[in-house]
Amino acid sequence: MSVKKAMVGNRGKGTKSDCYVELELKASGGVQLELKSKVNSLYGKAISGLAREIMSFFEVRDAYLLIEDSGAVDFVLAARIEAAVKMLVSTNKEFLLPRLETNVGSTKRSTFRFSRLYLPGNSPKLMLNAGLHKPNGLILDLEDAVAPEKKHEARFVVRNALRNLDFYGAERMVRINQGDMGIEDLEYIVPQNVNLILIPKCESDEDVLAVDAAIQKLKTKNNPSNDIWLMPIIESAKGVINAYKIAAASKNISSIAIGLEDYTADLGTHRTPEGNESFFARSMVVNAARAAGVQPIDSVFSDVSDMEALAENARRSKGLGFDGMGCIHPRQIKVIHESFAPSATEIEKAKRIFLAFKEAKAKGLGVVSLGTKMIDAPVVKRAVNTITVAVNIGVLDKDWERQAESQV
C-alpha cells in the first residue's frame, strides 16, 4: 500500500482557536493518535474522543493522526479532521455536530444591511467573537481571503461555522468563489441555513442565473426551509455597464454591491479618498439597484486606522444613495452605523412629512403640503423609509406616532 498523507489547518506562532491536522493512512495497526495541546490536561480526553469518533464515522481504521491544538473549538477540530480525511478517502458522508438553535430561520429581502464584516473562511480565530461587534451581517469568505491551496479545507470550516458559530443575531453570509468553483462551494453552504450568498466579480445576468439555478437545485434536494438571498458584487467596467441586468436577474436578489479595489484596477487607475475615479460606477450601481428594487451596497474602506476618513467616506456613500458598505475590521462597524443612520434632523423632518400626509389623507385632500411646500409621493415614501430605519435601529420609539398624537 502506498503512503498517503494529508496536512490541513494552521500551526505555529500566532495561531489561536485553530489546529493543525496531519493524517496518514496505514495498512494496519489501528488509529494511532498523537495529540499536542497546551490544554491537554483539561481537554485532551475530549479532543481525542471527538477525533476517534470522526475516524470511526468515516470508517478510517488504520491511520496515524497528528493533532496540534491551539485552542480549537469542536466545530473547527471536526472541520480540520474531515477535510484531511476527504483528501485521502472518497466518501459522501458528512460529520455534522448538532446545530445551534439560533442558526436557523430566514432574514428578509429588506433586512437592513448597513454593515457586513468580512471574515476569512480559513481563519477561525477571527470568526469566534465577531458577532459581538454587532455588524448587520457576517461574511464567511471563501474567495479572495483564502489562499488557493487552502480553499478545500476552508469549505469545511465555513460549513461548520454556519451550523455552530454564534452569529449573535447577524445575518449569516458567505462569499463564494467565481465560476465552477463557486458552484461547488454551494454544496457545502446551501443546506446549512445560510441567509445570503455574495457572488463575486459579476459581469452579466448569466453569472447570477447560474448561481441561482444551482441553489434552487440544492434546495430541492436538501429541503432547507429558509430563504437564501443573493448579493452580486460588481467589480469591473463590464459589470458596471451591465449593472441593471445583474440587479434584475432574479427575484432572490436582495442587494448588489460594488468592489472598488478590483474595479479601479480594471480601469487602470488608483483608488483615492475623494473617489472621483469611481463616481460614475457607484452612481450606476445605485441607479441600477433602485430601478430593480434592491439595496445598493458600497465597497469596503481599506484604511482601518483612519476613522475620520471612514466616516467621511460613509457620509459620501450615503449621499450617493447607498444603503450600507462593507467592513474589513470590527472597529469600522460603529462608525458606519452612525454615518448611515438618519440624523435627528432627518428624523424630525420625516415625522412632520408623514403626519402631514396622514392628516391630508384623513381629510380626503388630494394635495399634501407642509408649510409652504407641496409634498409628493416620492417624498412621503422617503420619509416612511427614514422612519422605518430609525425605529429598527432603535433611535426612534416604535410608538412615536401615538406619542405625537397624544401631544396634540
Protein backbone atom coordinates (compact mmCIF):
# COMPACT_ATOMS: atom_id res chain seq x y z
CA MET A 1 0.00 0.00 0.00
CA SER A 2 1.40 3.40 -0.98
CA VAL A 3 1.80 6.00 1.75
CA LYS A 4 -0.78 8.81 1.66
CA LYS A 5 -0.68 11.90 3.81
CA ALA A 6 -2.92 14.94 4.21
CA MET A 7 -1.99 18.15 6.04
CA VAL A 8 -4.59 20.81 6.86
CA GLY A 9 -5.15 23.66 9.28
CA ASN A 10 -2.78 26.20 10.81
CA ARG A 11 0.03 25.98 13.33
CA GLY A 12 2.98 27.98 14.56
CA LYS A 13 3.43 31.36 16.18
CA GLY A 14 0.27 33.44 16.38
CA THR A 15 -2.11 30.53 15.76
CA LYS A 16 -5.16 30.69 18.03
CA SER A 17 -8.53 28.93 18.14
CA ASP A 18 -7.33 26.54 15.45
CA CYS A 19 -5.42 23.32 14.96
CA TYR A 20 -3.10 21.55 12.56
CA VAL A 21 -4.06 18.05 11.46
CA GLU A 22 -1.85 15.53 9.73
CA LEU A 23 -3.37 12.26 8.58
CA GLU A 24 -1.52 9.32 7.08
CA LEU A 25 -3.30 6.12 6.06
CA LYS A 26 -1.69 2.84 7.16
CA ALA A 27 -2.09 -0.78 6.17
CA SER A 28 -2.62 -1.96 9.74
CA GLY A 29 -2.23 -1.03 13.39
CA GLY A 30 -5.49 0.78 14.04
CA VAL A 31 -5.75 4.55 14.54
CA GLN A 32 -2.61 5.89 16.19
CA LEU A 33 -3.47 9.30 17.61
CA GLU A 34 -0.84 11.82 18.70
CA LEU A 35 -2.21 14.94 20.38
CA LYS A 36 -0.12 18.03 21.13
CA SER A 37 -2.02 20.63 23.11
CA LYS A 38 -1.30 23.15 25.87
CA VAL A 39 -4.67 22.27 27.37
CA ASN A 40 -4.15 18.53 27.15
CA SER A 41 -4.68 18.04 30.88
CA LEU A 42 -8.07 19.76 30.73
CA TYR A 43 -9.44 18.88 27.32
CA GLY A 44 -7.19 16.16 25.94
CA LYS A 45 -9.67 13.38 26.62
CA ALA A 46 -12.49 15.27 24.91
CA ILE A 47 -10.36 16.17 21.87
CA SER A 48 -9.15 12.61 21.48
CA GLY A 49 -12.68 11.27 21.87
CA LEU A 50 -14.02 13.55 19.15
CA ALA A 51 -11.12 12.70 16.83
CA ARG A 52 -11.68 8.98 17.24
CA GLU A 53 -15.42 9.40 16.74
CA ILE A 54 -14.75 11.13 13.41
CA MET A 55 -12.30 8.44 12.33
CA SER A 56 -14.88 5.78 13.12
CA PHE A 57 -17.63 7.72 11.33
CA PHE A 58 -15.59 7.76 8.11
CA GLU A 59 -14.51 4.14 8.64
CA VAL A 60 -10.81 5.02 8.79
CA ARG A 61 -9.50 2.01 10.70
CA ASP A 62 -5.74 2.19 10.19
CA ALA A 63 -4.01 5.56 10.24
CA TYR A 64 -1.61 7.91 12.01
CA LEU A 65 -3.39 11.08 13.13
CA LEU A 66 -1.46 14.05 14.49
CA ILE A 67 -3.34 16.95 16.04
CA GLU A 68 -1.52 20.10 17.13
CA ASP A 69 -4.19 22.01 19.01
CA SER A 70 -4.10 25.77 19.56
CA GLY A 71 -7.43 26.14 21.30
CA ALA A 72 -9.73 24.93 18.53
CA VAL A 73 -13.42 24.62 19.38
CA ASP A 74 -15.17 21.40 18.41
CA PHE A 75 -16.57 22.57 15.08
CA VAL A 76 -13.12 23.72 13.93
CA LEU A 77 -11.46 20.50 15.07
CA ALA A 78 -14.14 18.47 13.26
CA ALA A 79 -13.75 20.55 10.10
CA ARG A 80 -9.99 20.07 10.02
CA ILE A 81 -10.14 16.30 10.54
CA GLU A 82 -12.91 15.84 7.96
CA ALA A 83 -11.00 17.93 5.40
CA ALA A 84 -7.95 15.72 5.91
CA VAL A 85 -9.98 12.53 5.62
CA LYS A 86 -11.59 13.65 2.38
CA MET A 87 -8.22 14.39 0.83
CA LEU A 88 -7.47 10.67 1.18
CA VAL A 89 -10.82 8.87 1.22
CA SER A 90 -13.68 9.07 -1.27
CA THR A 91 -16.93 9.45 0.66
CA ASN A 92 -20.14 11.48 0.51
CA LYS A 93 -20.73 11.28 4.25
CA GLU A 94 -20.60 14.47 6.36
CA PHE A 95 -19.74 14.67 10.03
CA LEU A 96 -22.01 17.36 11.43
CA LEU A 97 -22.26 18.50 15.03
CA PRO A 98 -25.71 19.44 16.39
CA ARG A 99 -26.77 22.84 15.04
CA LEU A 100 -27.15 25.85 17.33
CA GLU A 101 -30.83 26.70 17.72
CA THR A 102 -30.12 30.31 16.76
CA ASN A 103 -28.64 29.33 13.38
CA VAL A 104 -31.94 28.67 11.68
CA GLY A 105 -34.58 30.79 10.01
CA SER A 106 -34.62 33.42 7.30
CA THR A 107 -33.90 37.09 7.01
CA LYS A 108 -36.00 39.46 4.93
CA ARG A 109 -35.19 40.83 1.50
CA SER A 110 -35.44 44.28 3.07
CA THR A 111 -33.27 43.48 6.12
CA PHE A 112 -31.05 46.44 6.98
CA ARG A 113 -27.52 45.89 5.73
CA PHE A 114 -25.64 48.99 6.87
CA SER A 115 -22.58 46.88 7.64
CA ARG A 116 -21.23 43.50 6.61
CA LEU A 117 -17.97 42.26 8.12
CA TYR A 118 -15.65 40.11 6.02
CA LEU A 119 -14.08 37.13 7.80
CA PRO A 120 -11.51 34.86 6.09
CA GLY A 121 -13.08 31.44 5.74
CA ASN A 122 -9.95 29.62 6.85
CA SER A 123 -9.22 31.73 9.97
CA PRO A 124 -11.43 30.52 12.84
CA LYS A 125 -9.87 32.88 15.39
CA LEU A 126 -11.37 35.87 13.56
CA MET A 127 -14.83 34.31 13.48
CA LEU A 128 -15.48 33.26 17.05
CA ASN A 129 -16.38 36.60 18.65
CA ALA A 130 -17.02 38.69 15.54
CA GLY A 131 -20.76 38.85 16.18
CA LEU A 132 -20.19 40.65 19.48
CA HIS A 133 -19.34 43.78 17.47
CA LYS A 134 -22.92 43.79 16.13
CA PRO A 135 -22.48 44.07 12.38
CA ASN A 136 -25.66 43.59 10.38
CA GLY A 137 -24.02 40.69 8.58
CA LEU A 138 -21.02 38.38 8.97
CA ILE A 139 -19.43 37.24 5.71
CA LEU A 140 -17.56 33.97 5.82
CA ASP A 141 -15.30 34.50 2.83
CA LEU A 142 -14.28 31.61 0.58
CA GLU A 143 -12.91 33.82 -2.21
CA ASP A 144 -10.11 36.42 -2.04
CA ALA A 145 -9.43 35.96 1.68
CA VAL A 146 -8.47 32.29 1.24
CA ALA A 147 -5.28 31.11 -0.48
CA PRO A 148 -5.89 28.77 -3.44
CA GLU A 149 -4.27 25.79 -1.70
CA LYS A 150 -6.49 26.30 1.36
CA LYS A 151 -9.88 26.55 -0.34
CA HIS A 152 -10.70 22.84 0.10
CA GLU A 153 -10.30 22.92 3.86
CA ALA A 154 -11.93 26.35 4.21
CA ARG A 155 -15.20 24.92 2.89
CA PHE A 156 -15.47 22.61 5.90
CA VAL A 157 -14.74 25.41 8.37
CA VAL A 158 -17.36 27.65 6.77
CA ARG A 159 -19.92 24.85 6.56
CA ASN A 160 -19.46 24.03 10.25
CA ALA A 161 -19.45 27.71 11.23
CA LEU A 162 -22.87 28.17 9.61
CA ARG A 163 -24.13 25.46 11.95
CA ASN A 164 -22.18 26.07 15.13
CA LEU A 165 -20.77 29.62 15.24
CA ASP A 166 -22.70 32.10 17.38
CA PHE A 167 -23.55 34.94 14.97
CA TYR A 168 -25.15 36.99 17.79
CA GLY A 169 -28.05 37.92 15.52
CA ALA A 170 -26.01 38.97 12.48
CA GLU A 171 -27.16 37.82 9.06
CA ARG A 172 -25.32 34.66 8.02
CA MET A 173 -23.49 35.42 4.77
CA VAL A 174 -20.95 33.58 2.60
CA ARG A 175 -18.94 34.90 -0.33
CA ILE A 176 -18.37 32.06 -2.76
CA ASN A 177 -15.69 31.75 -5.43
CA GLN A 178 -16.10 32.56 -9.10
CA GLY A 179 -17.40 30.20 -11.75
CA ASP A 180 -17.43 26.44 -11.31
CA MET A 181 -15.57 26.62 -8.01
CA GLY A 182 -18.33 28.84 -6.64
CA ILE A 183 -20.99 26.39 -7.79
CA GLU A 184 -19.11 23.66 -5.91
CA ASP A 185 -18.98 25.89 -2.81
CA LEU A 186 -22.76 25.95 -2.75
CA GLU A 187 -22.93 22.24 -1.96
CA TYR A 188 -21.30 22.98 1.40
CA ILE A 189 -23.33 26.04 2.38
CA VAL A 190 -26.84 25.88 0.89
CA PRO A 191 -28.00 23.01 3.17
CA GLN A 192 -26.70 24.84 6.26
CA ASN A 193 -29.22 27.68 6.63
CA VAL A 194 -27.11 30.39 5.06
CA ASN A 195 -29.09 33.64 4.75
CA LEU A 196 -27.26 35.39 1.92
CA ILE A 197 -24.69 34.45 -0.70
CA LEU A 198 -22.36 37.03 -2.23
CA ILE A 199 -21.45 36.39 -5.88
CA PRO A 200 -18.07 37.97 -6.69
CA LYS A 201 -16.98 39.67 -9.92
CA CYS A 202 -20.37 39.59 -11.63
CA GLU A 203 -20.29 40.84 -15.19
CA SER A 204 -23.64 39.66 -16.56
CA ASP A 205 -27.03 38.34 -15.52
CA GLU A 206 -25.81 34.89 -16.57
CA ASP A 207 -23.36 34.89 -13.64
CA VAL A 208 -26.29 35.35 -11.27
CA LEU A 209 -28.60 32.90 -13.00
CA ALA A 210 -26.03 30.10 -12.85
CA VAL A 211 -25.70 30.50 -9.09
CA ASP A 212 -29.43 30.92 -8.58
CA ALA A 213 -30.22 27.75 -10.54
CA ALA A 214 -27.64 25.75 -8.58
CA ILE A 215 -29.10 27.00 -5.30
CA GLN A 216 -32.65 26.03 -6.26
CA LYS A 217 -31.48 22.57 -7.30
CA LEU A 218 -29.72 22.08 -3.97
CA LYS A 219 -32.70 23.41 -2.03
CA THR A 220 -34.95 20.88 -3.77
CA LYS A 221 -32.51 18.10 -2.88
CA ASN A 222 -31.81 19.12 0.72
CA ASN A 223 -35.09 20.88 1.53
CA PRO A 224 -33.78 23.74 3.70
CA SER A 225 -36.72 25.87 4.81
CA ASN A 226 -35.01 29.27 4.81
CA ASP A 227 -34.87 31.89 2.07
CA ILE A 228 -31.44 32.43 0.51
CA TRP A 229 -30.79 35.93 -0.79
CA LEU A 230 -28.18 36.91 -3.35
CA MET A 231 -25.81 39.87 -3.38
CA PRO A 232 -23.93 40.12 -6.69
CA ILE A 233 -20.71 42.14 -6.45
CA ILE A 234 -19.81 44.32 -9.42
CA GLU A 235 -16.04 44.68 -9.76
CA SER A 236 -15.29 45.54 -13.40
CA ALA A 237 -16.11 48.06 -16.10
CA LYS A 238 -18.21 45.45 -17.91
CA GLY A 239 -20.10 44.71 -14.71
CA VAL A 240 -20.89 48.40 -14.23
CA ILE A 241 -22.29 48.68 -17.76
CA ASN A 242 -24.49 45.61 -17.10
CA ALA A 243 -25.47 46.68 -13.57
CA TYR A 244 -29.23 46.81 -14.15
CA LYS A 245 -29.37 43.41 -15.87
CA ILE A 246 -27.43 41.96 -12.95
CA ALA A 247 -29.62 43.63 -10.32
CA ALA A 248 -32.82 42.46 -12.01
CA ALA A 249 -31.64 38.94 -12.86
CA SER A 250 -33.51 37.12 -10.05
CA LYS A 251 -36.27 37.70 -7.53
CA ASN A 252 -33.85 36.30 -4.95
CA ILE A 253 -31.50 39.26 -5.23
CA SER A 254 -31.78 41.45 -2.14
CA SER A 255 -28.91 43.80 -2.90
CA ILE A 256 -26.00 44.50 -5.20
CA ALA A 257 -22.57 45.69 -4.12
CA ILE A 258 -19.60 47.28 -5.79
CA GLY A 259 -15.99 46.24 -5.19
CA LEU A 260 -13.77 49.23 -5.83
CA GLU A 261 -10.35 47.63 -5.46
CA ASP A 262 -10.89 45.35 -8.43
CA TYR A 263 -12.89 47.97 -10.31
CA THR A 264 -10.18 50.62 -10.18
CA ALA A 265 -7.59 48.01 -11.13
CA ASP A 266 -9.74 47.15 -14.14
CA LEU A 267 -9.79 50.82 -15.10
CA GLY A 268 -6.03 51.02 -14.75
CA THR A 269 -6.22 53.73 -12.10
CA HIS A 270 -5.82 54.04 -8.33
CA ARG A 271 -8.47 54.38 -5.68
CA THR A 272 -8.39 57.77 -3.96
CA PRO A 273 -10.08 59.07 -0.78
CA GLU A 274 -12.14 61.52 -2.85
CA GLY A 275 -13.48 58.72 -5.05
CA ASN A 276 -13.68 60.76 -8.27
CA GLU A 277 -12.42 57.77 -10.25
CA SER A 278 -15.36 55.63 -9.08
CA PHE A 279 -18.15 58.25 -9.04
CA PHE A 280 -19.63 57.05 -12.33
CA ALA A 281 -19.55 53.38 -11.32
CA ARG A 282 -21.02 53.95 -7.89
CA SER A 283 -23.79 56.12 -9.33
CA MET A 284 -24.54 53.45 -11.93
CA VAL A 285 -24.80 50.77 -9.25
CA VAL A 286 -27.12 52.90 -7.10
CA ASN A 287 -29.37 53.72 -10.07
CA ALA A 288 -29.43 50.10 -11.21
CA ALA A 289 -30.31 48.89 -7.72
CA ARG A 290 -33.11 51.43 -7.28
CA ALA A 291 -34.52 50.64 -10.72
CA ALA A 292 -34.53 46.93 -9.86
CA GLY A 293 -35.92 47.49 -6.36
CA VAL A 294 -32.92 46.12 -4.44
CA GLN A 295 -30.43 47.60 -1.99
CA PRO A 296 -27.25 49.29 -3.27
CA ILE A 297 -24.25 48.44 -1.06
CA ASP A 298 -20.93 50.29 -1.28
CA SER A 299 -17.41 48.88 -1.21
CA VAL A 300 -15.17 48.42 1.82
CA PHE A 301 -12.90 51.21 3.09
CA SER A 302 -9.41 49.80 3.24
CA ASP A 303 -7.70 52.10 5.78
CA VAL A 304 -8.66 50.56 9.12
CA SER A 305 -6.71 53.15 11.13
CA ASP A 306 -8.41 56.35 9.88
CA MET A 307 -11.87 56.57 11.39
CA GLU A 308 -12.41 60.19 10.32
CA ALA A 309 -11.75 59.32 6.70
CA LEU A 310 -14.05 56.31 7.04
CA ALA A 311 -16.85 58.49 8.42
CA GLU A 312 -16.42 60.97 5.59
CA ASN A 313 -16.43 58.16 3.02
CA ALA A 314 -19.57 56.66 4.59
CA ARG A 315 -21.36 60.03 4.55
CA ARG A 316 -20.40 60.47 0.91
CA SER A 317 -21.65 56.95 0.21
CA LYS A 318 -24.98 57.66 1.89
CA GLY A 319 -25.23 60.89 -0.10
CA LEU A 320 -24.86 58.93 -3.34
CA GLY A 321 -27.78 56.73 -2.30
CA PHE A 322 -26.10 53.62 -0.90
CA ASP A 323 -27.77 51.71 1.94
CA GLY A 324 -24.56 50.39 3.53
CA MET A 325 -20.99 49.32 2.95
CA GLY A 326 -18.52 46.58 3.75
CA CYS A 327 -16.12 46.31 6.70
CA ILE A 328 -12.76 44.63 6.99
CA HIS A 329 -12.24 45.37 10.70
CA PRO A 330 -14.69 45.38 13.64
CA ARG A 331 -13.72 48.93 14.64
CA GLN A 332 -15.31 50.18 11.41
CA ILE A 333 -18.79 48.93 12.28
CA LYS A 334 -19.80 51.61 14.79
CA VAL A 335 -18.62 54.43 12.53
CA ILE A 336 -20.53 53.04 9.56
CA HIS A 337 -23.73 52.58 11.56
CA GLU A 338 -23.55 56.14 12.86
CA SER A 339 -22.87 57.50 9.39
CA PHE A 340 -25.70 55.66 7.62
CA ALA A 341 -28.27 56.12 10.37
CA PRO A 342 -30.72 59.00 9.91
CA SER A 343 -29.73 62.16 11.75
CA ALA A 344 -32.02 63.75 14.33
CA THR A 345 -32.87 66.49 11.81
CA GLU A 346 -33.73 63.93 9.13
CA ILE A 347 -35.95 62.00 11.54
CA GLU A 348 -37.88 65.08 12.70
CA LYS A 349 -38.44 66.19 9.11
CA ALA A 350 -39.63 62.71 8.16
CA LYS A 351 -42.08 62.65 11.08
CA ARG A 352 -43.56 66.02 10.06
CA ILE A 353 -43.97 64.88 6.46
CA PHE A 354 -45.60 61.60 7.48
CA LEU A 355 -48.04 63.26 9.90
CA ALA A 356 -48.96 65.91 7.32
CA PHE A 357 -49.60 63.20 4.76
CA LYS A 358 -51.73 61.22 7.21
CA GLU A 359 -53.79 64.29 8.14
CA ALA A 360 -54.38 65.22 4.49
CA LYS A 361 -55.43 61.68 3.68
CA ALA A 362 -57.88 61.63 6.62
CA LYS A 363 -59.46 64.85 5.30
CA GLY A 364 -59.72 63.44 1.81
CA LEU A 365 -57.37 66.02 0.38
CA GLY A 366 -55.64 65.24 -2.90
CA VAL A 367 -52.79 67.60 -2.16
CA VAL A 368 -50.40 67.38 0.76
CA SER A 369 -48.49 70.41 1.98
CA LEU A 370 -46.08 71.13 4.78
CA GLY A 371 -45.82 74.84 5.41
CA THR A 372 -45.45 76.44 2.01
CA LYS A 373 -44.10 73.32 0.29
CA MET A 374 -46.08 70.70 -1.56
CA ILE A 375 -45.31 67.05 -0.75
CA ASP A 376 -45.48 64.42 -3.47
CA ALA A 377 -45.50 60.62 -3.21
CA PRO A 378 -41.71 60.07 -3.53
CA VAL A 379 -41.09 62.49 -0.66
CA VAL A 380 -43.58 60.65 1.54
CA LYS A 381 -42.01 57.32 0.60
CA ARG A 382 -38.56 58.60 1.56
CA ALA A 383 -39.94 59.87 4.88
CA VAL A 384 -41.50 56.47 5.62
CA ASN A 385 -38.18 54.79 4.83
CA THR A 386 -36.34 57.14 7.18
CA ILE A 387 -38.80 56.46 10.00
CA THR A 388 -38.63 52.72 9.43
CA VAL A 389 -34.83 52.75 9.61
CA ALA A 390 -34.86 54.94 12.73
CA VAL A 391 -37.29 52.60 14.50
CA ASN A 392 -35.40 49.46 13.51
CA ILE A 393 -32.03 50.73 14.71
CA GLY A 394 -33.53 51.94 17.98
CA VAL A 395 -33.15 55.72 17.68
CA LEU A 396 -36.91 56.30 17.37
CA ASP A 397 -39.56 54.77 19.61
CA LYS A 398 -41.87 52.43 17.70
CA ASP A 399 -44.84 54.19 19.39
CA TRP A 400 -43.68 57.65 18.27
CA GLU A 401 -46.85 58.24 16.23
CA ARG A 402 -49.17 57.59 19.16
CA GLN A 403 -46.99 59.74 21.40
CA ALA A 404 -47.06 62.57 18.87
CA GLU A 405 -50.86 62.40 18.57
CA SER A 406 -51.26 62.46 22.35
CA GLN A 407 -49.35 65.74 22.49
CA VAL A 408 -51.64 67.48 20.00
